[in-house]
Amino acid sequence: MYRSRVSPYGQASMEGHHHHVVLHGACIALAMVSLVVSETFHVLASGTNSGGLFMTALDNVSESFPLEVTMDCWADNTWIMLRLWNSAWLIHSLFTVFQRNVFGPVSCNPEIHPPSFYLIWTMINVAKITWLFLWDRHDLLPSLFFKWVMPIHSFQMLYVSYRNLHNHRTWLAINNPKEPWWTRYLTQNGLAVFGWWTLLEALVSLGVVLRYQAGLPDPLVSSMVLTVLLLGMLIWFVFESFIFSKYIRYTFTVYPVLIVGLGAMFTRSYRVHDLAPNTVYCGFLMLAATVLNCIRLIAACFYPDDTSNYLTEEPNRKPDFCKTVCKPMGKDSTMASQIGFVNPVF
């Protein structure tokens, strides 16, 4: 009787692929758990009854170290949107582990977000929890370090997502055209909201350290914070408009986040009969962010669809059609096409 056999190479490849899918799902689950835990601690730290974990509420600590650019208390409600948006893209990522395309799980074929992507998010949430305890105990300098971990690594995650999605855009346009849009509007825009909001908070924390530990005067410190924010806003506009337009063109949440954050600074320091120079400066930045946002939205209407030419091609075409999808590993090209893709990033 004839008995079919699987080559050792093929069996090892399939087992390795299965383990990678399991690893991928485990990292996503860990990222989701870390988000739930960090947001639970954030809610406890924001309230008046934390069960003894925190000495006082977050707003009270901010009032202990005021600046002219300290954000108003209503800005804390922004974290509700951040929780919902971050939960949405993580849930979508978990679904992609179980969804299938022509080569296997969507999460790994192609692998836009590798397991290390979700480990970075876990590290961000650990840094957030650590910052909550340090900030509550008025450890300004150590808390500043962990505060900056959040925006820096958020932008690192954006870099990974932008690059990998762009590299696999042609294959996805043919075989899975909805996935790029889920990635752009959920993951990338969600990370942009989180990254820029935490950057605003990190800049204010930097100002607190300069004012209350370095001893610089407050008007100067607040002006420095606003100037750094202006430079960051202009650099992002140049990147998205000229240098990295093909990567960033579908990220629309940056300027609305800046407007909300600047608005929170403006409403806290606004006095009708005693308008401080930094309040005027803050209002100017709000106007500048609004103008840049309008320019951005108008420019988006004229972006060419660089994948539309491929949609008339034969769907499920072989991977070697697109050079950004993995090349077969070893001699067995059929088996290589079954096990998925190799990601050059991470």
C-alpha atoms as a PDB file:
ATOM      1  CA  MET A   1       0.000   0.000   0.000  1.00  0.00           C
ATOM      2  CA  TYR A   2       1.322   3.437  -0.935  1.00  0.00           C
ATOM      3  CA  ARG A   3       1.819   5.728   2.064  1.00  0.00           C
ATOM      4  CA  SER A   4       2.324   9.454   1.557  1.00  0.00           C
ATOM      5  CA  ARG A   5       5.113  11.084   3.472  1.00  0.00           C
ATOM      6  CA  VAL A   6       5.877  14.624   4.484  1.00  0.00           C
ATOM      7  CA  SER A   7       9.477  15.667   4.100  1.00  0.00           C
ATOM      8  CA  PRO A   8      11.326  16.590   7.322  1.00  0.00           C
ATOM      9  CA  TYR A   9      11.807  20.093   5.967  1.00  0.00           C
ATOM     10  CA  GLY A  10       8.099  20.520   5.266  1.00  0.00           C
ATOM     11  CA  GLN A  11       7.087  19.140   8.651  1.00  0.00           C
ATOM     12  CA  ALA A  12       9.546  21.389  10.473  1.00  0.00           C
ATOM     13  CA  SER A  13       8.341  24.388   8.469  1.00  0.00           C
ATOM     14  CA  MET A  14       4.693  23.713   9.281  1.00  0.00           C
ATOM     15  CA  GLU A  15       5.488  23.233  12.975  1.00  0.00           C
ATOM     16  CA  GLY A  16       7.523  26.436  13.008  1.00  0.00           C
ATOM     17  CA  HIS A  17       4.673  28.301  11.328  1.00  0.00           C
ATOM     18  CA  HIS A  18       2.169  26.954  13.874  1.00  0.00           C
ATOM     19  CA  HIS A  19       4.400  28.019  16.764  1.00  0.00           C
ATOM     20  CA  HIS A  20       4.772  31.479  15.245  1.00  0.00           C
ATOM     21  CA  VAL A  21       0.983  31.877  15.009  1.00  0.00           C
ATOM     22  CA  VAL A  22       0.651  30.805  18.646  1.00  0.00           C
ATOM     23  CA  LEU A  23       3.383  33.279  19.630  1.00  0.00           C
ATOM     24  CA  HIS A  24       1.608  35.996  17.696  1.00  0.00           C
ATOM     25  CA  GLY A  25      -1.692  35.341  19.460  1.00  0.00           C
ATOM     26  CA  ALA A  26      -0.004  35.164  22.867  1.00  0.00           C
ATOM     27  CA  CYS A  27       1.697  38.544  22.368  1.00  0.00           C
ATOM     28  CA  ILE A  28      -1.603  40.137  21.332  1.00  0.00           C
ATOM     29  CA  ALA A  29      -3.313  38.655  24.396  1.00  0.00           C
ATOM     30  CA  LEU A  30      -0.506  39.950  26.621  1.00  0.00           C
ATOM     31  CA  ALA A  31      -0.870  43.413  25.091  1.00  0.00           C
ATOM     32  CA  MET A  32      -4.620  43.355  25.779  1.00  0.00           C
ATOM     33  CA  VAL A  33      -4.117  42.268  29.392  1.00  0.00           C
ATOM     34  CA  SER A  34      -1.501  44.984  29.935  1.00  0.00           C
ATOM     35  CA  LEU A  35      -3.925  47.586  28.556  1.00  0.00           C
ATOM     36  CA  VAL A  36      -6.701  46.470  30.911  1.00  0.00           C
ATOM     37  CA  VAL A  37      -4.361  46.502  33.923  1.00  0.00           C
ATOM     38  CA  SER A  38      -2.845  49.908  33.120  1.00  0.00           C
ATOM     39  CA  GLU A  39      -6.231  51.516  32.518  1.00  0.00           C
ATOM     40  CA  THR A  40      -7.532  50.033  35.769  1.00  0.00           C
ATOM     41  CA  PHE A  41      -4.657  51.649  37.657  1.00  0.00           C
ATOM     42  CA  HIS A  42      -5.263  54.904  35.768  1.00  0.00           C
ATOM     43  CA  VAL A  43      -8.918  54.963  36.817  1.00  0.00           C
ATOM     44  CA  LEU A  44      -7.940  54.263  40.422  1.00  0.00           C
ATOM     45  CA  ALA A  45      -5.291  56.992  40.352  1.00  0.00           C
ATOM     46  CA  SER A  46      -7.777  59.489  38.896  1.00  0.00           C
ATOM     47  CA  GLY A  47     -10.383  58.877  41.590  1.00  0.00           C
ATOM     48  CA  THR A  48     -10.544  59.749  45.266  1.00  0.00           C
ATOM     49  CA  ASN A  49     -10.836  56.169  46.508  1.00  0.00           C
ATOM     50  CA  SER A  50      -7.980  53.977  45.291  1.00  0.00           C
ATOM     51  CA  GLY A  51      -7.976  51.550  48.191  1.00  0.00           C
ATOM     52  CA  GLY A  52      -4.720  52.904  49.557  1.00  0.00           C
ATOM     53  CA  LEU A  53      -2.737  52.376  46.340  1.00  0.00           C
ATOM     54  CA  PHE A  54      -2.388  56.097  45.679  1.00  0.00           C
ATOM     55  CA  MET A  55      -1.996  58.936  48.138  1.00  0.00           C
ATOM     56  CA  THR A  56      -4.005  61.440  46.114  1.00  0.00           C
ATOM     57  CA  ALA A  57      -5.687  61.906  42.739  1.00  0.00           C
ATOM     58  CA  LEU A  58      -3.730  62.731  39.590  1.00  0.00           C
ATOM     59  CA  ASP A  59      -5.302  66.182  39.323  1.00  0.00           C
ATOM     60  CA  ASN A  60      -4.172  67.033  42.838  1.00  0.00           C
ATOM     61  CA  VAL A  61      -0.571  66.203  41.954  1.00  0.00           C
ATOM     62  CA  SER A  62      -0.804  68.431  38.880  1.00  0.00           C
ATOM     63  CA  GLU A  63      -2.161  71.252  41.046  1.00  0.00           C
ATOM     64  CA  SER A  64       0.844  70.829  43.329  1.00  0.00           C
ATOM     65  CA  PHE A  65       3.182  71.643  40.419  1.00  0.00           C
ATOM     66  CA  PRO A  66       1.275  74.168  38.283  1.00  0.00           C
ATOM     67  CA  LEU A  67       2.540  75.717  35.058  1.00  0.00           C
ATOM     68  CA  GLU A  68       0.990  78.134  32.615  1.00  0.00           C
ATOM     69  CA  VAL A  69       0.738  75.196  30.172  1.00  0.00           C
ATOM     70  CA  THR A  70      -0.797  72.742  32.630  1.00  0.00           C
ATOM     71  CA  MET A  71      -3.856  71.205  30.973  1.00  0.00           C
ATOM     72  CA  ASP A  72      -7.333  71.778  32.364  1.00  0.00           C
ATOM     73  CA  CYS A  73      -9.003  68.980  34.318  1.00  0.00           C
ATOM     74  CA  TRP A  74     -11.564  68.295  31.570  1.00  0.00           C
ATOM     75  CA  ALA A  75      -8.716  67.010  29.382  1.00  0.00           C
ATOM     76  CA  ASP A  76      -8.661  63.805  31.446  1.00  0.00           C
ATOM     77  CA  ASN A  77     -11.805  62.747  29.583  1.00  0.00           C
ATOM     78  CA  THR A  78      -9.616  62.310  26.487  1.00  0.00           C
ATOM     79  CA  TRP A  79      -8.360  59.080  28.043  1.00  0.00           C
ATOM     80  CA  ILE A  80     -11.832  57.585  27.517  1.00  0.00           C
ATOM     81  CA  MET A  81     -11.362  57.946  23.775  1.00  0.00           C
ATOM     82  CA  LEU A  82      -7.813  56.592  24.019  1.00  0.00           C
ATOM     83  CA  ARG A  83      -9.027  53.500  25.880  1.00  0.00           C
ATOM     84  CA  LEU A  84     -11.748  52.804  23.333  1.00  0.00           C
ATOM     85  CA  TRP A  85      -9.486  53.332  20.318  1.00  0.00           C
ATOM     86  CA  ASN A  86      -6.636  51.245  21.699  1.00  0.00           C
ATOM     87  CA  SER A  87      -9.050  48.480  22.645  1.00  0.00           C
ATOM     88  CA  ALA A  88     -10.528  48.552  19.138  1.00  0.00           C
ATOM     89  CA  TRP A  89      -7.248  47.993  17.277  1.00  0.00           C
ATOM     90  CA  LEU A  90      -6.142  45.319  19.736  1.00  0.00           C
ATOM     91  CA  ILE A  91      -9.430  43.436  19.316  1.00  0.00           C
ATOM     92  CA  HIS A  92      -9.061  43.684  15.554  1.00  0.00           C
ATOM     93  CA  SER A  93      -5.509  42.346  15.831  1.00  0.00           C
ATOM     94  CA  LEU A  94      -6.807  39.378  17.810  1.00  0.00           C
ATOM     95  CA  PHE A  95      -9.425  38.657  15.165  1.00  0.00           C
ATOM     96  CA  THR A  96      -6.733  38.545  12.472  1.00  0.00           C
ATOM     97  CA  VAL A  97      -5.185  35.545  14.235  1.00  0.00           C
ATOM     98  CA  PHE A  98      -8.344  33.549  13.467  1.00  0.00           C
ATOM     99  CA  GLN A  99      -9.139  35.076  10.068  1.00  0.00           C
ATOM    100  CA  ARG A 100      -7.687  33.361   6.994  1.00  0.00           C
ATOM    101  CA  ASN A 101      -6.552  34.499   3.589  1.00  0.00           C
ATOM    102  CA  VAL A 102      -5.084  32.449   0.741  1.00  0.00           C
ATOM    103  CA  PHE A 103      -1.882  31.706   2.691  1.00  0.00           C
ATOM    104  CA  GLY A 104      -3.125  31.296   6.247  1.00  0.00           C
ATOM    105  CA  PRO A 105      -3.818  33.553   9.251  1.00  0.00           C
ATOM    106  CA  VAL A 106      -4.213  37.200   8.301  1.00  0.00           C
ATOM    107  CA  SER A 107      -2.025  38.254  11.237  1.00  0.00           C
ATOM    108  CA  CYS A 108       1.008  36.504   9.743  1.00  0.00           C
ATOM    109  CA  ASN A 109       0.320  36.636   6.011  1.00  0.00           C
ATOM    110  CA  PRO A 110       1.780  39.140   5.514  1.00  0.00           C
ATOM    111  CA  GLU A 111       3.035  40.021   8.976  1.00  0.00           C
ATOM    112  CA  ILE A 112       2.411  43.743   9.211  1.00  0.00           C
ATOM    113  CA  HIS A 113       2.650  43.770  13.000  1.00  0.00           C
ATOM    114  CA  PRO A 114       5.160  41.219  14.325  1.00  0.00           C
ATOM    115  CA  PRO A 115       5.010  39.833  17.890  1.00  0.00           C
ATOM    116  CA  SER A 116       7.581  42.399  19.052  1.00  0.00           C
ATOM    117  CA  PHE A 117       5.099  45.107  18.016  1.00  0.00           C
ATOM    118  CA  TYR A 118       2.718  43.976  20.747  1.00  0.00           C
ATOM    119  CA  LEU A 119       5.534  43.476  23.244  1.00  0.00           C
ATOM    120  CA  ILE A 120       6.415  47.154  22.793  1.00  0.00           C
ATOM    121  CA  TRP A 121       2.810  48.030  23.587  1.00  0.00           C
ATOM    122  CA  THR A 122       3.031  45.880  26.723  1.00  0.00           C
ATOM    123  CA  MET A 123       6.174  47.763  27.739  1.00  0.00           C
ATOM    124  CA  ILE A 124       4.334  51.070  27.212  1.00  0.00           C
ATOM    125  CA  ASN A 125       1.587  49.992  29.588  1.00  0.00           C
ATOM    126  CA  VAL A 126       4.123  48.843  32.183  1.00  0.00           C
ATOM    127  CA  ALA A 127       5.807  52.255  31.907  1.00  0.00           C
ATOM    128  CA  LYS A 128       2.427  53.928  32.363  1.00  0.00           C
ATOM    129  CA  ILE A 129       1.717  51.997  35.577  1.00  0.00           C
ATOM    130  CA  THR A 130       5.190  52.816  36.895  1.00  0.00           C
ATOM    131  CA  TRP A 131       4.699  56.492  36.069  1.00  0.00           C
ATOM    132  CA  LEU A 132       1.392  56.589  37.966  1.00  0.00           C
ATOM    133  CA  PHE A 133       3.055  55.460  41.204  1.00  0.00           C
ATOM    134  CA  LEU A 134       6.108  57.710  40.784  1.00  0.00           C
ATOM    135  CA  TRP A 135       4.006  60.754  39.924  1.00  0.00           C
ATOM    136  CA  ASP A 136       1.732  60.087  42.895  1.00  0.00           C
ATOM    137  CA  ARG A 137       4.786  60.126  45.194  1.00  0.00           C
ATOM    138  CA  HIS A 138       6.169  63.338  43.624  1.00  0.00           C
ATOM    139  CA  ASP A 139       9.275  61.606  42.231  1.00  0.00           C
ATOM    140  CA  LEU A 140       9.469  64.061  39.361  1.00  0.00           C
ATOM    141  CA  LEU A 141      12.680  63.042  37.596  1.00  0.00           C
ATOM    142  CA  PRO A 142      12.100  59.241  37.564  1.00  0.00           C
ATOM    143  CA  SER A 143       8.470  59.786  36.558  1.00  0.00           C
ATOM    144  CA  LEU A 144       9.640  61.971  33.657  1.00  0.00           C
ATOM    145  CA  PHE A 145      11.724  59.084  32.282  1.00  0.00           C
ATOM    146  CA  PHE A 146       8.794  56.672  32.245  1.00  0.00           C
ATOM    147  CA  LYS A 147       6.498  59.362  30.882  1.00  0.00           C
ATOM    148  CA  TRP A 148       8.716  59.769  27.829  1.00  0.00           C
ATOM    149  CA  VAL A 149       8.809  56.004  27.260  1.00  0.00           C
ATOM    150  CA  MET A 150       5.169  56.133  26.134  1.00  0.00           C
ATOM    151  CA  PRO A 151       5.348  58.584  23.186  1.00  0.00           C
ATOM    152  CA  ILE A 152       8.788  57.446  22.031  1.00  0.00           C
ATOM    153  CA  HIS A 153       7.775  53.805  21.752  1.00  0.00           C
ATOM    154  CA  SER A 154       4.385  54.734  20.307  1.00  0.00           C
ATOM    155  CA  PHE A 155       6.179  56.413  17.420  1.00  0.00           C
ATOM    156  CA  GLN A 156       8.405  53.342  17.119  1.00  0.00           C
ATOM    157  CA  MET A 157       5.275  51.208  16.715  1.00  0.00           C
ATOM    158  CA  LEU A 158       3.991  53.638  14.099  1.00  0.00           C
ATOM    159  CA  TYR A 159       7.248  53.303  12.178  1.00  0.00           C
ATOM    160  CA  VAL A 160       6.926  49.507  12.105  1.00  0.00           C
ATOM    161  CA  SER A 161       3.286  49.689  11.028  1.00  0.00           C
ATOM    162  CA  TYR A 162       3.884  52.322   8.322  1.00  0.00           C
ATOM    163  CA  ARG A 163       6.851  50.519   6.807  1.00  0.00           C
ATOM    164  CA  ASN A 164       5.415  47.004   6.787  1.00  0.00           C
ATOM    165  CA  LEU A 165       2.033  48.082   5.443  1.00  0.00           C
ATOM    166  CA  HIS A 166       3.717  50.010   2.645  1.00  0.00           C
ATOM    167  CA  ASN A 167       5.977  47.074   1.777  1.00  0.00           C
ATOM    168  CA  HIS A 168       3.004  44.694   1.421  1.00  0.00           C
ATOM    169  CA  ARG A 169       0.502  47.161  -0.025  1.00  0.00           C
ATOM    170  CA  THR A 170       0.373  45.600  -3.500  1.00  0.00           C
ATOM    171  CA  TRP A 171      -0.263  42.048  -2.353  1.00  0.00           C
ATOM    172  CA  LEU A 172      -2.875  43.243   0.150  1.00  0.00           C
ATOM    173  CA  ALA A 173      -4.639  45.351  -2.492  1.00  0.00           C
ATOM    174  CA  ILE A 174      -5.157  42.197  -4.567  1.00  0.00           C
ATOM    175  CA  ASN A 175      -5.796  39.522  -1.961  1.00  0.00           C
ATOM    176  CA  ASN A 176      -7.032  41.348   1.151  1.00  0.00           C
ATOM    177  CA  PRO A 177      -8.024  44.906   0.202  1.00  0.00           C
ATOM    178  CA  LYS A 178      -9.927  45.672   3.439  1.00  0.00           C
ATOM    179  CA  GLU A 179      -7.045  44.947   5.800  1.00  0.00           C
ATOM    180  CA  PRO A 180      -4.948  48.044   4.909  1.00  0.00           C
ATOM    181  CA  TRP A 181      -7.892  50.292   5.769  1.00  0.00           C
ATOM    182  CA  TRP A 182      -8.462  48.574   9.113  1.00  0.00           C
ATOM    183  CA  THR A 183      -4.774  49.034   9.855  1.00  0.00           C
ATOM    184  CA  ARG A 184      -4.741  52.684   8.823  1.00  0.00           C
ATOM    185  CA  TYR A 185      -7.855  53.876  10.600  1.00  0.00           C
ATOM    186  CA  LEU A 186      -7.717  51.681  13.699  1.00  0.00           C
ATOM    187  CA  THR A 187      -4.078  50.893  14.472  1.00  0.00           C
ATOM    188  CA  GLN A 188      -2.152  53.753  12.915  1.00  0.00           C
ATOM    189  CA  ASN A 189      -4.593  56.545  13.760  1.00  0.00           C
ATOM    190  CA  GLY A 190      -5.095  55.071  17.229  1.00  0.00           C
ATOM    191  CA  LEU A 191      -1.369  54.977  17.883  1.00  0.00           C
ATOM    192  CA  ALA A 192      -1.041  58.530  16.528  1.00  0.00           C
ATOM    193  CA  VAL A 193      -3.689  59.756  18.993  1.00  0.00           C
ATOM    194  CA  PHE A 194      -1.994  57.966  21.875  1.00  0.00           C
ATOM    195  CA  GLY A 195       1.511  59.005  20.846  1.00  0.00           C
ATOM    196  CA  TRP A 196       0.758  62.702  20.442  1.00  0.00           C
ATOM    197  CA  TRP A 197      -1.399  62.951  23.554  1.00  0.00           C
ATOM    198  CA  THR A 198       1.260  61.315  25.705  1.00  0.00           C
ATOM    199  CA  LEU A 199       3.829  63.577  24.025  1.00  0.00           C
ATOM    200  CA  LEU A 200       1.821  66.614  25.161  1.00  0.00           C
ATOM    201  CA  GLU A 201       1.750  65.255  28.703  1.00  0.00           C
ATOM    202  CA  ALA A 202       5.464  64.408  28.560  1.00  0.00           C
ATOM    203  CA  LEU A 203       6.319  67.963  27.500  1.00  0.00           C
ATOM    204  CA  VAL A 204       4.317  69.338  30.431  1.00  0.00           C
ATOM    205  CA  SER A 205       6.114  66.896  32.750  1.00  0.00           C
ATOM    206  CA  LEU A 206       9.429  68.116  31.349  1.00  0.00           C
ATOM    207  CA  GLY A 207       8.340  71.660  32.127  1.00  0.00           C
ATOM    208  CA  VAL A 208       7.494  70.628  35.699  1.00  0.00           C
ATOM    209  CA  VAL A 209      10.998  69.211  36.185  1.00  0.00           C
ATOM    210  CA  LEU A 210      12.608  72.336  34.735  1.00  0.00           C
ATOM    211  CA  ARG A 211      10.484  74.578  36.943  1.00  0.00           C
ATOM    212  CA  TYR A 212      10.508  72.741  40.270  1.00  0.00           C
ATOM    213  CA  GLN A 213      13.858  70.958  40.168  1.00  0.00           C
ATOM    214  CA  ALA A 214      16.040  73.018  37.850  1.00  0.00           C
ATOM    215  CA  GLY A 215      14.577  76.264  39.204  1.00  0.00           C
ATOM    216  CA  LEU A 216      13.774  77.990  35.892  1.00  0.00           C
ATOM    217  CA  PRO A 217      11.013  80.633  35.975  1.00  0.00           C
ATOM    218  CA  ASP A 218       7.560  79.495  34.903  1.00  0.00           C
ATOM    219  CA  PRO A 219       6.838  81.845  31.973  1.00  0.00           C
ATOM    220  CA  LEU A 220      10.116  80.797  30.366  1.00  0.00           C
ATOM    221  CA  VAL A 221       9.463  77.095  30.951  1.00  0.00           C
ATOM    222  CA  SER A 222       5.940  77.307  29.505  1.00  0.00           C
ATOM    223  CA  SER A 223       7.236  79.168  26.456  1.00  0.00           C
ATOM    224  CA  MET A 224       9.869  76.473  25.944  1.00  0.00           C
ATOM    225  CA  VAL A 225       7.219  73.731  26.110  1.00  0.00           C
ATOM    226  CA  LEU A 226       5.019  75.501  23.563  1.00  0.00           C
ATOM    227  CA  THR A 227       7.985  76.160  21.258  1.00  0.00           C
ATOM    228  CA  VAL A 228       9.054  72.516  21.293  1.00  0.00           C
ATOM    229  CA  LEU A 229       5.465  71.556  20.537  1.00  0.00           C
ATOM    230  CA  LEU A 230       5.379  74.005  17.618  1.00  0.00           C
ATOM    231  CA  LEU A 231       8.597  72.531  16.209  1.00  0.00           C
ATOM    232  CA  GLY A 232       7.203  69.015  16.527  1.00  0.00           C
ATOM    233  CA  MET A 233       4.006  70.038  14.770  1.00  0.00           C
ATOM    234  CA  LEU A 234       5.907  71.666  11.886  1.00  0.00           C
ATOM    235  CA  ILE A 235       8.274  68.698  11.536  1.00  0.00           C
ATOM    236  CA  TRP A 236       5.315  66.315  11.346  1.00  0.00           C
ATOM    237  CA  PHE A 237       3.667  68.490   8.703  1.00  0.00           C
ATOM    238  CA  VAL A 238       6.825  68.416   6.576  1.00  0.00           C
ATOM    239  CA  PHE A 239       7.131  64.648   7.005  1.00  0.00           C
ATOM    240  CA  GLU A 240       3.521  63.896   6.073  1.00  0.00           C
ATOM    241  CA  SER A 241       3.404  66.376   3.195  1.00  0.00           C
ATOM    242  CA  PHE A 242       6.750  65.905   1.466  1.00  0.00           C
ATOM    243  CA  ILE A 243       9.142  63.280   2.871  1.00  0.00           C
ATOM    244  CA  PHE A 244       7.028  60.355   4.110  1.00  0.00           C
ATOM    245  CA  SER A 245       3.727  61.137   2.433  1.00  0.00           C
ATOM    246  CA  LYS A 246       3.301  57.626   1.007  1.00  0.00           C
ATOM    247  CA  TYR A 247       3.466  56.208   4.544  1.00  0.00           C
ATOM    248  CA  ILE A 248       1.598  58.808   6.628  1.00  0.00           C
ATOM    249  CA  ARG A 249      -1.036  60.111   4.227  1.00  0.00           C
ATOM    250  CA  TYR A 250      -3.947  58.313   5.917  1.00  0.00           C
ATOM    251  CA  THR A 251      -3.168  59.433   9.473  1.00  0.00           C
ATOM    252  CA  PHE A 252      -5.637  62.242  10.222  1.00  0.00           C
ATOM    253  CA  THR A 253      -5.764  62.368  14.031  1.00  0.00           C
ATOM    254  CA  VAL A 254      -2.618  64.333  14.852  1.00  0.00           C
ATOM    255  CA  TYR A 255      -3.910  67.893  14.559  1.00  0.00           C
ATOM    256  CA  PRO A 256      -7.265  67.257  16.305  1.00  0.00           C
ATOM    257  CA  VAL A 257      -5.328  65.836  19.262  1.00  0.00           C
ATOM    258  CA  LEU A 258      -3.041  68.879  19.311  1.00  0.00           C
ATOM    259  CA  ILE A 259      -6.032  71.231  19.163  1.00  0.00           C
ATOM    260  CA  VAL A 260      -7.699  69.478  22.098  1.00  0.00           C
ATOM    261  CA  GLY A 261      -4.496  69.510  24.160  1.00  0.00           C
ATOM    262  CA  LEU A 262      -3.751  73.147  23.404  1.00  0.00           C
ATOM    263  CA  GLY A 263      -7.377  73.984  24.139  1.00  0.00           C
ATOM    264  CA  ALA A 264      -7.005  72.396  27.577  1.00  0.00           C
ATOM    265  CA  MET A 265      -3.938  74.549  28.217  1.00  0.00           C
ATOM    266  CA  PHE A 266      -5.737  77.636  26.949  1.00  0.00           C
ATOM    267  CA  THR A 267      -8.906  77.255  29.041  1.00  0.00           C
ATOM    268  CA  ARG A 268      -6.936  76.712  32.242  1.00  0.00           C
ATOM    269  CA  SER A 269      -4.776  79.826  31.897  1.00  0.00           C
ATOM    270  CA  TYR A 270      -7.318  82.098  30.184  1.00  0.00           C
ATOM    271  CA  ARG A 271      -8.224  85.260  32.095  1.00  0.00           C
ATOM    272  CA  VAL A 272     -10.397  87.887  30.420  1.00  0.00           C
ATOM    273  CA  HIS A 273      -8.699  90.916  31.945  1.00  0.00           C
ATOM    274  CA  ASP A 274      -5.261  89.404  32.493  1.00  0.00           C
ATOM    275  CA  LEU A 275      -4.221  87.590  29.328  1.00  0.00           C
ATOM    276  CA  ALA A 276      -0.756  86.074  29.791  1.00  0.00           C
ATOM    277  CA  PRO A 277       1.670  86.026  26.823  1.00  0.00           C
ATOM    278  CA  ASN A 278       1.805  82.223  26.919  1.00  0.00           C
ATOM    279  CA  THR A 279      -1.987  82.089  26.718  1.00  0.00           C
ATOM    280  CA  VAL A 280      -1.805  84.151  23.524  1.00  0.00           C
ATOM    281  CA  TYR A 281       1.000  81.885  22.293  1.00  0.00           C
ATOM    282  CA  CYS A 282      -1.166  78.849  23.028  1.00  0.00           C
ATOM    283  CA  GLY A 283      -4.080  80.373  21.103  1.00  0.00           C
ATOM    284  CA  PHE A 284      -1.762  81.024  18.161  1.00  0.00           C
ATOM    285  CA  LEU A 285      -0.687  77.366  18.161  1.00  0.00           C
ATOM    286  CA  MET A 286      -4.330  76.274  18.177  1.00  0.00           C
ATOM    287  CA  LEU A 287      -4.954  78.440  15.123  1.00  0.00           C
ATOM    288  CA  ALA A 288      -1.822  77.092  13.414  1.00  0.00           C
ATOM    289  CA  ALA A 289      -2.875  73.486  14.104  1.00  0.00           C
ATOM    290  CA  THR A 290      -6.332  74.233  12.674  1.00  0.00           C
ATOM    291  CA  VAL A 291      -4.846  75.714   9.487  1.00  0.00           C
ATOM    292  CA  LEU A 292      -2.459  72.786   9.038  1.00  0.00           C
ATOM    293  CA  ASN A 293      -5.323  70.366   9.604  1.00  0.00           C
ATOM    294  CA  CYS A 294      -7.407  72.051   6.888  1.00  0.00           C
ATOM    295  CA  ILE A 295      -4.476  71.939   4.467  1.00  0.00           C
ATOM    296  CA  ARG A 296      -3.991  68.276   5.313  1.00  0.00           C
ATOM    297  CA  LEU A 297      -7.618  67.360   4.667  1.00  0.00           C
ATOM    298  CA  ILE A 298      -7.724  69.262   1.364  1.00  0.00           C
ATOM    299  CA  ALA A 299      -4.486  67.609   0.221  1.00  0.00           C
ATOM    300  CA  ALA A 300      -5.902  64.182   1.102  1.00  0.00           C
ATOM    301  CA  CYS A 301      -8.588  64.641  -1.553  1.00  0.00           C
ATOM    302  CA  PHE A 302      -5.889  64.686  -4.235  1.00  0.00           C
ATOM    303  CA  TYR A 303      -3.841  61.698  -3.110  1.00  0.00           C
ATOM    304  CA  PRO A 304      -3.442  59.174  -5.934  1.00  0.00           C
ATOM    305  CA  ASP A 305      -4.488  55.582  -5.299  1.00  0.00           C
ATOM    306  CA  ASP A 306      -1.201  53.799  -6.011  1.00  0.00           C
ATOM    307  CA  THR A 307      -2.775  50.342  -5.685  1.00  0.00           C
ATOM    308  CA  SER A 308      -5.777  50.775  -7.978  1.00  0.00           C
ATOM    309  CA  ASN A 309      -3.821  49.561 -10.993  1.00  0.00           C
ATOM    310  CA  TYR A 310      -3.381  46.169  -9.383  1.00  0.00           C
ATOM    311  CA  LEU A 311      -6.999  45.506  -8.497  1.00  0.00           C
ATOM    312  CA  THR A 312      -7.793  44.308 -12.003  1.00  0.00           C
ATOM    313  CA  GLU A 313      -5.094  41.665 -11.777  1.00  0.00           C
ATOM    314  CA  GLU A 314      -5.874  38.057 -11.023  1.00  0.00           C
ATOM    315  CA  PRO A 315      -6.672  37.653  -7.301  1.00  0.00           C
ATOM    316  CA  ASN A 316      -4.706  35.154  -5.222  1.00  0.00           C
ATOM    317  CA  ARG A 317      -1.792  35.473  -7.581  1.00  0.00           C
ATOM    318  CA  LYS A 318       1.442  33.759  -6.549  1.00  0.00           C
ATOM    319  CA  PRO A 319       3.596  35.602  -4.004  1.00  0.00           C
ATOM    320  CA  ASP A 320       6.514  36.076  -6.386  1.00  0.00           C
ATOM    321  CA  PHE A 321       4.330  38.603  -8.230  1.00  0.00           C
ATOM    322  CA  CYS A 322       5.109  41.111  -5.501  1.00  0.00           C
ATOM    323  CA  LYS A 323       8.699  41.533  -4.465  1.00  0.00           C
ATOM    324  CA  THR A 324       7.722  42.766  -1.001  1.00  0.00           C
ATOM    325  CA  VAL A 325       6.167  39.420  -0.131  1.00  0.00           C
ATOM    326  CA  CYS A 326       8.569  36.722   1.032  1.00  0.00           C
ATOM    327  CA  LYS A 327      10.645  34.650  -1.290  1.00  0.00           C
ATOM    328  CA  PRO A 328      10.524  30.849  -1.006  1.00  0.00           C
ATOM    329  CA  MET A 329      12.925  29.487   1.590  1.00  0.00           C
ATOM    330  CA  GLY A 330      14.858  26.417   0.632  1.00  0.00           C
ATOM    331  CA  LYS A 331      14.162  24.116  -2.311  1.00  0.00           C
ATOM    332  CA  ASP A 332      10.522  23.483  -1.611  1.00  0.00           C
ATOM    333  CA  SER A 333       8.900  26.662  -2.916  1.00  0.00           C
ATOM    334  CA  THR A 334       5.413  25.221  -2.567  1.00  0.00           C
ATOM    335  CA  MET A 335       5.882  24.617   1.117  1.00  0.00           C
ATOM    336  CA  ALA A 336       7.375  28.084   1.530  1.00  0.00           C
ATOM    337  CA  SER A 337       4.295  29.664   0.001  1.00  0.00           C
ATOM    338  CA  GLN A 338       2.157  27.738   2.474  1.00  0.00           C
ATOM    339  CA  ILE A 339       3.962  28.821   5.604  1.00  0.00           C
ATOM    340  CA  GLY A 340       3.629  32.582   5.050  1.00  0.00           C
ATOM    341  CA  PHE A 341       5.947  35.521   4.853  1.00  0.00           C
ATOM    342  CA  VAL A 342       9.227  36.706   6.225  1.00  0.00           C
ATOM    343  CA  ASN A 343       9.176  40.184   7.734  1.00  0.00           C
ATOM    344  CA  PRO A 344      12.310  42.310   7.298  1.00  0.00           C
ATOM    345  CA  VAL A 345      11.406  44.534  10.265  1.00  0.00           C
ATOM    346  CA  PHE A 346      11.815  42.923  13.711  1.00  0.00           C
END
